[in-house]
């Protein structure tokens, strides 16, 4: 009998576990095993441990491919975030240079002039102690780390941490925090457990 395309695209695989995988599982058995004496044993010996002889991993081919692709995409995105490979520019197109926190002369983030203001909440001078500074010397233009990161195309949480996409695999009914912003969530999510 022939198989339709849905069945072919969604084949399951039975893959024997490698020796390393068997040893890892054996470690779990050894760590969690405990001897239990029950009345039916009547004083006889009970096993000291369970020995895993062989095992198999059941794989859904299509789900495995999707999982591996998504895992690789997340790995690449995290790498980009760690490298900070994007650049931000001043209003005349000069690349901003990171100065760290060492050159704090009371500078102010020029992001405060943008709509919505500085993402760190800086509204004037002498409010940047301990803040990372990104500067264009030619134009006397400075950005704090949060405003710099936003201009590199990275999305940030309100505390300035990069937001990383995790896809649909971990949808536990989270609620979009954009619902607390003016205008609310653009997808219409109004509370927790409404994202599924």
N, C-alpha and C. Protein backbone atom coordinates (compact mmCIF):
# COMPACT_ATOMS: atom_id res chain seq x y z
N UNK A 1 0.84 -1.17 0.00
CA UNK A 1 0.00 0.00 0.00
C UNK A 1 0.89 1.24 0.00
N UNK A 2 0.57 2.24 -0.81
CA UNK A 2 1.37 3.46 -0.90
C UNK A 2 1.15 4.39 0.29
N UNK A 3 2.14 5.22 0.57
CA UNK A 3 2.04 6.20 1.66
C UNK A 3 1.76 7.56 1.07
N UNK A 4 0.83 8.30 1.70
CA UNK A 4 0.60 9.66 1.19
C UNK A 4 1.73 10.58 1.63
N UNK A 5 1.80 11.77 1.04
CA UNK A 5 2.94 12.67 1.27
C UNK A 5 3.04 13.13 2.72
N UNK A 6 1.89 13.26 3.43
CA UNK A 6 1.95 13.68 4.84
C UNK A 6 2.69 12.66 5.68
N UNK A 7 2.46 11.37 5.40
CA UNK A 7 3.14 10.32 6.16
C UNK A 7 4.62 10.31 5.83
N UNK A 8 4.96 10.47 4.55
CA UNK A 8 6.36 10.47 4.14
C UNK A 8 7.12 11.63 4.76
N UNK A 9 6.48 12.82 4.80
CA UNK A 9 7.13 14.00 5.36
C UNK A 9 7.30 13.92 6.86
N UNK A 10 6.58 13.02 7.51
CA UNK A 10 6.56 12.99 8.96
C UNK A 10 6.98 11.61 9.48
N UNK A 11 7.99 11.02 8.87
CA UNK A 11 8.45 9.70 9.27
C UNK A 11 9.12 9.74 10.64
N UNK A 12 8.98 8.65 11.37
CA UNK A 12 9.67 8.50 12.65
C UNK A 12 10.91 7.65 12.43
N UNK A 13 11.95 7.95 13.18
CA UNK A 13 13.17 7.16 13.10
C UNK A 13 13.49 6.55 14.44
N UNK A 14 13.97 5.31 14.42
CA UNK A 14 14.41 4.62 15.63
C UNK A 14 15.92 4.52 15.53
N UNK A 15 16.62 5.32 16.36
CA UNK A 15 18.07 5.43 16.27
C UNK A 15 18.70 4.85 17.53
N UNK A 16 19.62 3.88 17.39
CA UNK A 16 20.29 3.34 18.58
C UNK A 16 21.12 4.43 19.28
N UNK A 17 21.13 4.41 20.60
CA UNK A 17 21.92 5.37 21.36
C UNK A 17 23.40 5.02 21.27
N UNK A 18 24.23 6.08 21.26
CA UNK A 18 25.67 5.86 21.25
C UNK A 18 26.13 5.42 22.64
N UNK A 19 27.36 4.93 22.72
CA UNK A 19 27.89 4.48 24.01
C UNK A 19 27.94 5.65 25.00
N UNK A 20 28.29 6.86 24.54
CA UNK A 20 28.31 8.04 25.42
C UNK A 20 26.92 8.34 25.97
N UNK A 21 25.89 8.26 25.10
CA UNK A 21 24.53 8.51 25.55
C UNK A 21 24.09 7.46 26.57
N UNK A 22 24.45 6.20 26.32
CA UNK A 22 24.10 5.14 27.27
C UNK A 22 24.78 5.38 28.61
N UNK A 23 26.05 5.80 28.59
CA UNK A 23 26.77 6.07 29.84
C UNK A 23 26.13 7.24 30.60
N UNK A 24 25.69 8.27 29.86
CA UNK A 24 25.03 9.41 30.51
C UNK A 24 23.74 8.97 31.19
N UNK A 25 22.96 8.16 30.47
CA UNK A 25 21.72 7.65 31.07
C UNK A 25 22.00 6.71 32.24
N UNK A 26 23.06 5.91 32.13
CA UNK A 26 23.44 5.03 33.24
C UNK A 26 23.75 5.86 34.48
N UNK A 27 24.41 7.00 34.27
CA UNK A 27 24.69 7.89 35.40
C UNK A 27 23.43 8.37 36.08
N UNK A 28 22.37 8.63 35.29
CA UNK A 28 21.09 9.03 35.88
C UNK A 28 20.48 7.88 36.68
N UNK A 29 20.54 6.68 36.10
CA UNK A 29 20.02 5.52 36.84
C UNK A 29 20.77 5.34 38.16
N UNK A 30 22.11 5.41 38.10
CA UNK A 30 22.92 5.19 39.30
C UNK A 30 22.65 6.25 40.36
N UNK A 31 22.46 7.50 39.91
CA UNK A 31 22.25 8.59 40.86
C UNK A 31 20.87 8.54 41.51
N UNK A 32 19.90 7.93 40.82
CA UNK A 32 18.54 7.96 41.36
C UNK A 32 18.06 6.62 41.92
N UNK A 33 18.83 5.55 41.74
CA UNK A 33 18.39 4.23 42.19
C UNK A 33 18.52 4.10 43.71
N UNK A 34 17.54 3.47 44.32
CA UNK A 34 17.66 3.15 45.74
C UNK A 34 17.03 1.79 46.00
N UNK A 35 17.64 1.09 46.89
CA UNK A 35 17.17 -0.25 47.23
C UNK A 35 15.90 -0.13 48.07
N UNK A 36 14.89 -0.89 47.69
CA UNK A 36 13.63 -0.89 48.44
C UNK A 36 13.30 -2.34 48.80
N UNK A 37 13.19 -2.58 50.08
CA UNK A 37 12.81 -3.91 50.56
C UNK A 37 11.31 -3.93 50.80
N UNK A 38 10.63 -4.85 50.16
CA UNK A 38 9.18 -4.98 50.32
C UNK A 38 8.87 -6.31 51.01
N UNK A 39 7.66 -6.46 51.52
CA UNK A 39 7.28 -7.67 52.26
C UNK A 39 7.36 -8.93 51.41
N UNK A 40 7.11 -8.81 50.13
CA UNK A 40 7.12 -10.01 49.29
C UNK A 40 8.53 -10.56 49.09
N UNK A 41 9.58 -9.79 49.40
CA UNK A 41 10.95 -10.29 49.27
C UNK A 41 11.30 -11.27 50.39
N UNK A 42 10.66 -11.15 51.54
CA UNK A 42 10.87 -12.04 52.68
C UNK A 42 12.34 -12.23 53.02
N UNK A 43 13.07 -11.09 53.09
CA UNK A 43 14.46 -11.14 53.49
C UNK A 43 15.44 -11.45 52.38
N UNK A 44 14.97 -11.69 51.17
CA UNK A 44 15.88 -11.97 50.06
C UNK A 44 16.56 -10.69 49.60
N UNK A 45 17.62 -10.87 48.85
CA UNK A 45 18.37 -9.72 48.33
C UNK A 45 17.53 -8.94 47.31
N UNK A 46 17.81 -7.66 47.24
CA UNK A 46 17.23 -6.79 46.20
C UNK A 46 18.37 -6.29 45.32
N UNK A 47 18.10 -5.89 44.09
CA UNK A 47 19.18 -5.42 43.20
C UNK A 47 19.91 -4.22 43.79
N UNK A 48 21.22 -4.16 43.52
CA UNK A 48 22.04 -3.03 43.95
C UNK A 48 21.97 -1.88 42.95
N UNK A 49 21.70 -2.19 41.70
CA UNK A 49 21.63 -1.15 40.67
C UNK A 49 20.93 -1.72 39.44
N UNK A 50 20.54 -0.83 38.57
CA UNK A 50 19.99 -1.22 37.27
C UNK A 50 21.06 -0.96 36.22
N UNK A 51 21.22 -1.86 35.29
CA UNK A 51 22.23 -1.72 34.24
C UNK A 51 21.52 -1.51 32.90
N UNK A 52 21.79 -0.39 32.26
CA UNK A 52 21.22 -0.09 30.96
C UNK A 52 22.04 -0.79 29.89
N UNK A 53 21.43 -1.68 29.17
CA UNK A 53 22.14 -2.49 28.17
C UNK A 53 22.14 -1.81 26.81
N UNK A 54 21.01 -1.28 26.39
CA UNK A 54 20.91 -0.56 25.12
C UNK A 54 19.67 0.33 25.17
N UNK A 55 19.63 1.27 24.26
CA UNK A 55 18.49 2.18 24.21
C UNK A 55 18.33 2.73 22.81
N UNK A 56 17.17 3.31 22.57
CA UNK A 56 16.87 3.89 21.26
C UNK A 56 16.28 5.28 21.45
N UNK A 57 16.56 6.13 20.50
CA UNK A 57 15.97 7.47 20.47
C UNK A 57 14.95 7.46 19.33
N UNK A 58 13.72 7.86 19.63
CA UNK A 58 12.69 7.95 18.60
C UNK A 58 12.68 9.38 18.08
N UNK A 59 12.82 9.54 16.78
CA UNK A 59 12.90 10.85 16.17
C UNK A 59 11.81 11.02 15.13
N UNK A 60 11.18 12.19 15.15
CA UNK A 60 10.27 12.58 14.09
C UNK A 60 11.10 13.41 13.12
N UNK A 61 11.24 12.95 11.90
CA UNK A 61 12.18 13.56 10.96
C UNK A 61 11.90 15.04 10.73
N UNK A 62 10.65 15.40 10.46
CA UNK A 62 10.33 16.79 10.15
C UNK A 62 10.54 17.69 11.37
N UNK A 63 10.09 17.22 12.54
CA UNK A 63 10.29 18.02 13.76
C UNK A 63 11.77 18.18 14.08
N UNK A 64 12.55 17.13 13.85
CA UNK A 64 13.98 17.20 14.12
C UNK A 64 14.66 18.21 13.21
N UNK A 65 14.31 18.23 11.95
CA UNK A 65 14.88 19.19 11.00
C UNK A 65 14.52 20.62 11.41
N UNK A 66 13.25 20.85 11.74
CA UNK A 66 12.82 22.18 12.16
C UNK A 66 13.54 22.61 13.44
N UNK A 67 13.66 21.67 14.38
CA UNK A 67 14.36 21.96 15.63
C UNK A 67 15.81 22.34 15.37
N UNK A 68 16.52 21.58 14.53
CA UNK A 68 17.92 21.86 14.25
C UNK A 68 18.09 23.20 13.54
N UNK A 69 17.19 23.52 12.60
CA UNK A 69 17.26 24.82 11.91
C UNK A 69 17.06 25.97 12.89
N UNK A 70 16.05 25.83 13.75
CA UNK A 70 15.78 26.90 14.72
C UNK A 70 16.91 27.04 15.72
N UNK A 71 17.46 25.91 16.15
CA UNK A 71 18.58 25.94 17.09
C UNK A 71 19.78 26.67 16.47
N UNK A 72 20.05 26.41 15.21
CA UNK A 72 21.15 27.07 14.52
C UNK A 72 20.89 28.57 14.36
N UNK A 73 19.64 28.92 14.02
CA UNK A 73 19.31 30.34 13.87
C UNK A 73 19.48 31.08 15.20
N UNK A 74 19.07 30.45 16.30
CA UNK A 74 19.24 31.08 17.62
C UNK A 74 20.72 31.19 17.97
N UNK A 75 21.51 30.14 17.65
CA UNK A 75 22.95 30.18 17.92
C UNK A 75 23.60 31.34 17.17
N UNK A 76 23.23 31.54 15.92
CA UNK A 76 23.78 32.64 15.12
C UNK A 76 23.37 33.98 15.70
N UNK A 77 22.09 34.12 16.07
CA UNK A 77 21.60 35.38 16.64
C UNK A 77 22.31 35.70 17.96
N UNK A 78 22.47 34.70 18.81
CA UNK A 78 23.18 34.93 20.08
C UNK A 78 24.63 35.33 19.82
N UNK A 79 25.25 34.70 18.82
CA UNK A 79 26.62 35.08 18.46
C UNK A 79 26.72 36.52 18.03
N UNK A 80 25.75 36.97 17.23
CA UNK A 80 25.74 38.37 16.79
C UNK A 80 25.57 39.31 17.98
N UNK A 81 24.68 38.92 18.91
CA UNK A 81 24.48 39.76 20.09
C UNK A 81 25.75 39.83 20.94
N UNK A 82 26.45 38.69 21.08
CA UNK A 82 27.68 38.68 21.88
C UNK A 82 28.77 39.50 21.21
N UNK A 83 28.88 39.39 19.88
CA UNK A 83 29.92 40.11 19.16
C UNK A 83 29.63 41.59 19.08
N UNK A 84 28.33 41.95 19.14
CA UNK A 84 27.98 43.35 18.96
C UNK A 84 28.39 43.84 17.60
N UNK A 85 28.19 43.00 16.56
CA UNK A 85 28.72 43.27 15.24
C UNK A 85 28.06 44.47 14.56
N UNK A 86 26.86 44.87 14.99
CA UNK A 86 26.22 46.01 14.37
C UNK A 86 26.89 47.31 14.82
N UNK A 87 26.71 48.35 14.03
CA UNK A 87 27.28 49.65 14.38
C UNK A 87 26.15 50.67 14.40
N UNK A 88 26.35 51.74 15.15
CA UNK A 88 25.41 52.85 15.16
C UNK A 88 26.17 54.09 14.72
N UNK A 89 25.42 55.09 14.23
CA UNK A 89 26.04 56.26 13.61
C UNK A 89 25.43 57.53 14.17
N UNK A 90 26.21 58.61 14.09
CA UNK A 90 25.70 59.92 14.48
C UNK A 90 24.77 60.44 13.38
N UNK A 91 24.21 61.61 13.59
CA UNK A 91 23.24 62.15 12.62
C UNK A 91 23.88 62.51 11.28
N UNK A 92 25.22 62.63 11.22
CA UNK A 92 25.90 62.90 9.95
C UNK A 92 26.52 61.64 9.34
N UNK A 93 26.25 60.48 9.94
CA UNK A 93 26.69 59.23 9.35
C UNK A 93 28.04 58.71 9.80
N UNK A 94 28.65 59.34 10.81
CA UNK A 94 29.93 58.84 11.33
C UNK A 94 29.67 57.70 12.32
N UNK A 95 30.52 56.67 12.24
CA UNK A 95 30.35 55.54 13.16
C UNK A 95 30.73 55.95 14.57
N UNK A 96 29.90 55.54 15.54
CA UNK A 96 30.17 55.87 16.95
C UNK A 96 31.22 54.93 17.52
N UNK A 97 32.10 55.50 18.34
CA UNK A 97 33.20 54.76 18.95
C UNK A 97 32.85 54.47 20.40
N UNK A 98 33.00 53.21 20.84
CA UNK A 98 32.73 52.91 22.26
C UNK A 98 33.84 53.44 23.16
N UNK A 99 33.46 54.17 24.18
CA UNK A 99 34.43 54.73 25.14
C UNK A 99 34.35 54.05 26.50
N UNK A 100 33.36 53.19 26.71
CA UNK A 100 33.20 52.58 28.02
C UNK A 100 32.72 53.58 29.04
N UNK A 101 33.11 53.39 30.29
CA UNK A 101 32.66 54.28 31.36
C UNK A 101 33.77 55.21 31.85
N UNK A 102 34.97 55.07 31.28
CA UNK A 102 36.12 55.79 31.82
C UNK A 102 36.13 57.28 31.48
N UNK A 103 35.50 57.70 30.40
CA UNK A 103 35.55 59.10 29.99
C UNK A 103 34.23 59.80 30.33
N UNK A 104 33.90 59.80 31.60
CA UNK A 104 32.67 60.42 32.05
C UNK A 104 32.95 61.83 32.54
N UNK A 105 32.64 62.78 31.68
CA UNK A 105 32.84 64.19 32.03
C UNK A 105 31.50 64.88 32.28
N UNK A 106 30.47 64.07 32.58
CA UNK A 106 29.14 64.64 32.77
C UNK A 106 28.36 64.70 31.47
N UNK A 107 28.80 63.96 30.46
CA UNK A 107 28.15 63.97 29.15
C UNK A 107 26.67 63.61 29.27
N UNK A 108 25.91 63.95 28.25
CA UNK A 108 24.49 63.62 28.21
C UNK A 108 24.21 62.83 26.94
N UNK A 109 23.32 61.90 27.02
CA UNK A 109 22.96 61.08 25.86
C UNK A 109 22.13 61.92 24.90
N UNK A 110 22.56 61.98 23.64
CA UNK A 110 21.82 62.75 22.63
C UNK A 110 20.54 62.04 22.20
N UNK A 111 20.34 60.80 22.66
CA UNK A 111 19.07 60.14 22.42
C UNK A 111 17.92 60.83 23.13
N UNK A 112 18.23 61.71 24.07
CA UNK A 112 17.18 62.42 24.81
C UNK A 112 16.40 63.37 23.91
N UNK A 113 16.98 63.73 22.75
CA UNK A 113 16.31 64.62 21.81
C UNK A 113 15.37 63.88 20.87
N UNK A 114 15.45 62.54 20.84
CA UNK A 114 14.60 61.74 19.95
C UNK A 114 13.20 61.61 20.53
N UNK A 115 12.25 61.25 19.66
CA UNK A 115 10.90 60.99 20.12
C UNK A 115 10.94 59.84 21.12
N UNK A 116 10.38 60.03 22.27
CA UNK A 116 10.42 59.02 23.32
C UNK A 116 11.58 59.20 24.28
N UNK A 117 12.55 60.04 23.90
CA UNK A 117 13.67 60.34 24.78
C UNK A 117 14.71 59.24 24.87
N UNK A 118 15.67 59.44 25.74
CA UNK A 118 16.75 58.47 25.95
C UNK A 118 16.18 57.21 26.59
N UNK A 119 16.62 56.06 26.10
CA UNK A 119 16.11 54.79 26.62
C UNK A 119 16.60 54.50 28.03
N UNK A 120 17.65 55.20 28.46
CA UNK A 120 18.14 55.05 29.84
C UNK A 120 17.49 56.07 30.77
N UNK A 121 16.65 56.94 30.22
CA UNK A 121 15.99 57.95 31.03
C UNK A 121 16.82 59.19 31.28
N UNK A 122 17.91 59.36 30.53
CA UNK A 122 18.77 60.54 30.70
C UNK A 122 18.07 61.74 30.08
N UNK A 123 17.95 62.82 30.85
CA UNK A 123 17.26 64.02 30.36
C UNK A 123 18.17 65.24 30.29
N UNK A 124 19.39 65.13 30.82
CA UNK A 124 20.31 66.26 30.79
C UNK A 124 21.71 65.80 31.16
N UNK A 125 22.55 66.77 31.45
CA UNK A 125 23.95 66.49 31.77
C UNK A 125 24.09 65.98 33.21
N UNK A 126 25.22 65.34 33.47
CA UNK A 126 25.60 64.82 34.78
C UNK A 126 24.64 63.74 35.31
N UNK A 127 24.12 62.91 34.39
CA UNK A 127 23.23 61.81 34.78
C UNK A 127 23.76 60.47 34.23
N UNK A 128 25.01 60.45 33.83
CA UNK A 128 25.52 59.28 33.10
C UNK A 128 26.60 58.51 33.86
N UNK A 129 26.75 58.77 35.13
CA UNK A 129 27.78 58.07 35.90
C UNK A 129 27.61 56.56 35.80
N UNK A 130 28.69 55.87 35.41
CA UNK A 130 28.68 54.43 35.28
C UNK A 130 28.02 53.90 34.01
N UNK A 131 27.64 54.80 33.10
CA UNK A 131 26.99 54.37 31.86
C UNK A 131 28.02 54.25 30.74
N UNK A 132 27.85 53.21 29.91
CA UNK A 132 28.71 53.07 28.73
C UNK A 132 28.41 54.20 27.75
N UNK A 133 29.48 54.72 27.16
CA UNK A 133 29.35 55.88 26.28
C UNK A 133 29.83 55.52 24.87
N UNK A 134 29.06 55.92 23.87
CA UNK A 134 29.43 55.76 22.47
C UNK A 134 29.44 57.14 21.85
N UNK A 135 30.56 57.51 21.17
CA UNK A 135 30.77 58.92 20.82
C UNK A 135 31.24 59.11 19.39
N UNK A 136 30.77 60.21 18.78
CA UNK A 136 31.34 60.74 17.54
C UNK A 136 32.04 62.03 17.93
N UNK A 137 33.39 62.01 17.87
CA UNK A 137 34.16 63.20 18.27
C UNK A 137 33.93 64.35 17.30
N UNK A 138 33.80 64.05 16.00
CA UNK A 138 33.63 65.10 14.99
C UNK A 138 32.38 65.95 15.25
N UNK A 139 31.30 65.30 15.64
CA UNK A 139 30.01 65.98 15.77
C UNK A 139 29.62 66.25 17.22
N UNK A 140 30.48 65.88 18.18
CA UNK A 140 30.15 66.01 19.60
C UNK A 140 28.79 65.36 19.87
N UNK A 141 28.69 64.08 19.48
CA UNK A 141 27.43 63.34 19.58
C UNK A 141 27.68 62.10 20.42
N UNK A 142 26.86 61.91 21.47
CA UNK A 142 27.03 60.80 22.39
C UNK A 142 25.73 60.02 22.55
N UNK A 143 25.87 58.69 22.70
CA UNK A 143 24.72 57.84 23.02
C UNK A 143 25.08 56.94 24.19
N UNK A 144 24.08 56.66 25.03
CA UNK A 144 24.25 55.65 26.07
C UNK A 144 24.15 54.27 25.43
N UNK A 145 24.44 53.23 26.19
CA UNK A 145 24.44 51.88 25.64
C UNK A 145 23.07 51.46 25.13
N UNK A 146 21.99 51.79 25.85
CA UNK A 146 20.66 51.39 25.41
C UNK A 146 20.27 52.06 24.11
N UNK A 147 20.54 53.34 23.97
CA UNK A 147 20.22 54.05 22.73
C UNK A 147 21.11 53.56 21.58
N UNK A 148 22.36 53.27 21.88
CA UNK A 148 23.28 52.72 20.87
C UNK A 148 22.76 51.37 20.38
N UNK A 149 22.42 50.48 21.32
CA UNK A 149 21.95 49.15 20.94
C UNK A 149 20.69 49.23 20.09
N UNK A 150 19.78 50.12 20.43
CA UNK A 150 18.54 50.25 19.66
C UNK A 150 18.86 50.66 18.22
N UNK A 151 19.87 51.49 18.02
CA UNK A 151 20.21 51.94 16.68
C UNK A 151 20.96 50.88 15.87
N UNK A 152 21.43 49.85 16.52
CA UNK A 152 22.08 48.76 15.78
C UNK A 152 21.05 47.74 15.30
N UNK A 153 19.79 47.99 15.58
CA UNK A 153 18.72 47.09 15.13
C UNK A 153 18.34 46.05 16.15
N UNK A 154 18.97 46.05 17.30
CA UNK A 154 18.65 45.08 18.34
C UNK A 154 17.50 45.62 19.18
N UNK A 155 16.60 44.75 19.53
CA UNK A 155 15.49 45.13 20.39
C UNK A 155 15.91 44.92 21.84
N UNK A 156 15.49 45.83 22.71
CA UNK A 156 15.89 45.78 24.11
C UNK A 156 14.67 45.74 25.01
N UNK A 157 14.82 45.08 26.15
CA UNK A 157 13.77 45.13 27.16
C UNK A 157 13.90 46.48 27.88
N UNK A 158 12.93 46.84 28.73
CA UNK A 158 13.01 48.13 29.43
C UNK A 158 14.25 48.29 30.30
N UNK A 159 14.91 47.17 30.68
CA UNK A 159 16.13 47.25 31.47
C UNK A 159 17.38 47.29 30.61
N UNK A 160 17.21 47.34 29.28
CA UNK A 160 18.35 47.47 28.39
C UNK A 160 18.97 46.16 27.94
N UNK A 161 18.36 45.02 28.24
CA UNK A 161 18.91 43.74 27.81
C UNK A 161 18.41 43.40 26.42
N UNK A 162 19.26 42.81 25.56
CA UNK A 162 18.80 42.41 24.23
C UNK A 162 17.69 41.36 24.33
N UNK A 163 16.66 41.52 23.50
CA UNK A 163 15.57 40.56 23.43
C UNK A 163 15.92 39.53 22.36
N UNK A 164 15.86 38.26 22.71
CA UNK A 164 16.24 37.17 21.81
C UNK A 164 15.01 36.38 21.41
N UNK A 165 14.77 36.20 20.10
CA UNK A 165 13.61 35.41 19.69
C UNK A 165 13.77 33.95 20.04
N UNK A 166 12.72 33.32 20.57
CA UNK A 166 12.80 31.90 20.92
C UNK A 166 11.81 31.07 20.13
N UNK A 167 11.07 31.67 19.23
CA UNK A 167 10.17 30.91 18.38
C UNK A 167 8.94 30.44 19.12
N UNK A 168 8.27 29.45 18.54
CA UNK A 168 7.01 28.97 19.10
C UNK A 168 7.18 27.79 20.04
N UNK A 169 8.38 27.20 20.07
CA UNK A 169 8.59 25.97 20.82
C UNK A 169 8.37 26.16 22.32
N UNK A 170 8.54 27.37 22.83
CA UNK A 170 8.44 27.58 24.27
C UNK A 170 7.24 28.47 24.62
N UNK A 171 6.16 28.34 23.86
CA UNK A 171 4.96 29.14 24.11
C UNK A 171 4.18 28.53 25.26
N UNK A 172 4.35 29.13 26.44
CA UNK A 172 3.66 28.63 27.63
C UNK A 172 2.51 29.56 28.04
N UNK A 173 2.03 30.34 27.08
CA UNK A 173 0.95 31.26 27.39
C UNK A 173 1.44 32.58 27.96
N UNK A 174 2.63 33.01 27.55
CA UNK A 174 3.19 34.27 28.02
C UNK A 174 2.30 35.43 27.59
N UNK A 175 2.48 36.57 28.23
CA UNK A 175 1.75 37.78 27.87
C UNK A 175 2.71 38.81 27.33
N UNK A 176 2.35 39.47 26.25
CA UNK A 176 3.23 40.48 25.64
C UNK A 176 3.33 41.69 26.55
N UNK A 177 4.57 42.09 26.90
CA UNK A 177 4.76 43.26 27.75
C UNK A 177 4.47 44.57 27.01
N UNK A 178 4.34 44.49 25.68
CA UNK A 178 3.95 45.67 24.91
C UNK A 178 2.54 46.14 25.25
N UNK A 179 1.75 45.28 25.90
CA UNK A 179 0.39 45.67 26.28
C UNK A 179 0.40 46.81 27.29
N UNK A 180 1.55 47.02 27.97
CA UNK A 180 1.67 48.09 28.96
C UNK A 180 2.14 49.41 28.36
N UNK A 181 2.49 49.39 27.06
CA UNK A 181 2.96 50.60 26.39
C UNK A 181 1.77 51.40 25.86
N UNK A 182 1.97 52.70 25.57
CA UNK A 182 0.87 53.47 24.96
C UNK A 182 0.45 52.80 23.65
N UNK A 183 -0.83 52.57 23.49
CA UNK A 183 -1.33 51.89 22.29
C UNK A 183 -1.44 50.40 22.45
N UNK A 184 -0.81 49.84 23.48
CA UNK A 184 -0.91 48.41 23.77
C UNK A 184 -0.13 47.54 22.82
N UNK A 185 -0.32 46.25 22.95
CA UNK A 185 0.36 45.25 22.11
C UNK A 185 -0.17 45.35 20.69
N UNK A 186 0.73 45.37 19.72
CA UNK A 186 0.33 45.49 18.31
C UNK A 186 -0.38 44.24 17.81
N UNK A 187 -0.21 43.10 18.52
CA UNK A 187 -0.91 41.87 18.14
C UNK A 187 -2.22 41.70 18.89
N UNK A 188 -2.56 42.66 19.74
CA UNK A 188 -3.82 42.61 20.47
C UNK A 188 -3.80 41.78 21.73
N UNK A 189 -2.62 41.34 22.19
CA UNK A 189 -2.54 40.55 23.42
C UNK A 189 -2.78 41.49 24.60
N UNK A 190 -3.72 41.12 25.46
CA UNK A 190 -4.09 42.01 26.56
C UNK A 190 -3.76 41.47 27.94
N UNK A 191 -3.36 40.20 28.03
CA UNK A 191 -3.02 39.63 29.34
C UNK A 191 -2.17 38.38 29.18
N UNK A 192 -1.89 37.71 30.29
CA UNK A 192 -1.14 36.46 30.25
C UNK A 192 -1.98 35.35 29.67
N UNK A 193 -1.32 34.31 29.20
CA UNK A 193 -1.98 33.11 28.65
C UNK A 193 -2.85 33.39 27.44
N UNK A 194 -2.55 34.47 26.70
CA UNK A 194 -3.34 34.76 25.50
C UNK A 194 -2.50 34.72 24.24
N UNK A 195 -1.28 34.21 24.33
CA UNK A 195 -0.38 34.22 23.18
C UNK A 195 -0.48 32.97 22.34
N UNK A 196 -1.13 31.91 22.85
CA UNK A 196 -1.19 30.64 22.12
C UNK A 196 -2.10 30.73 20.92
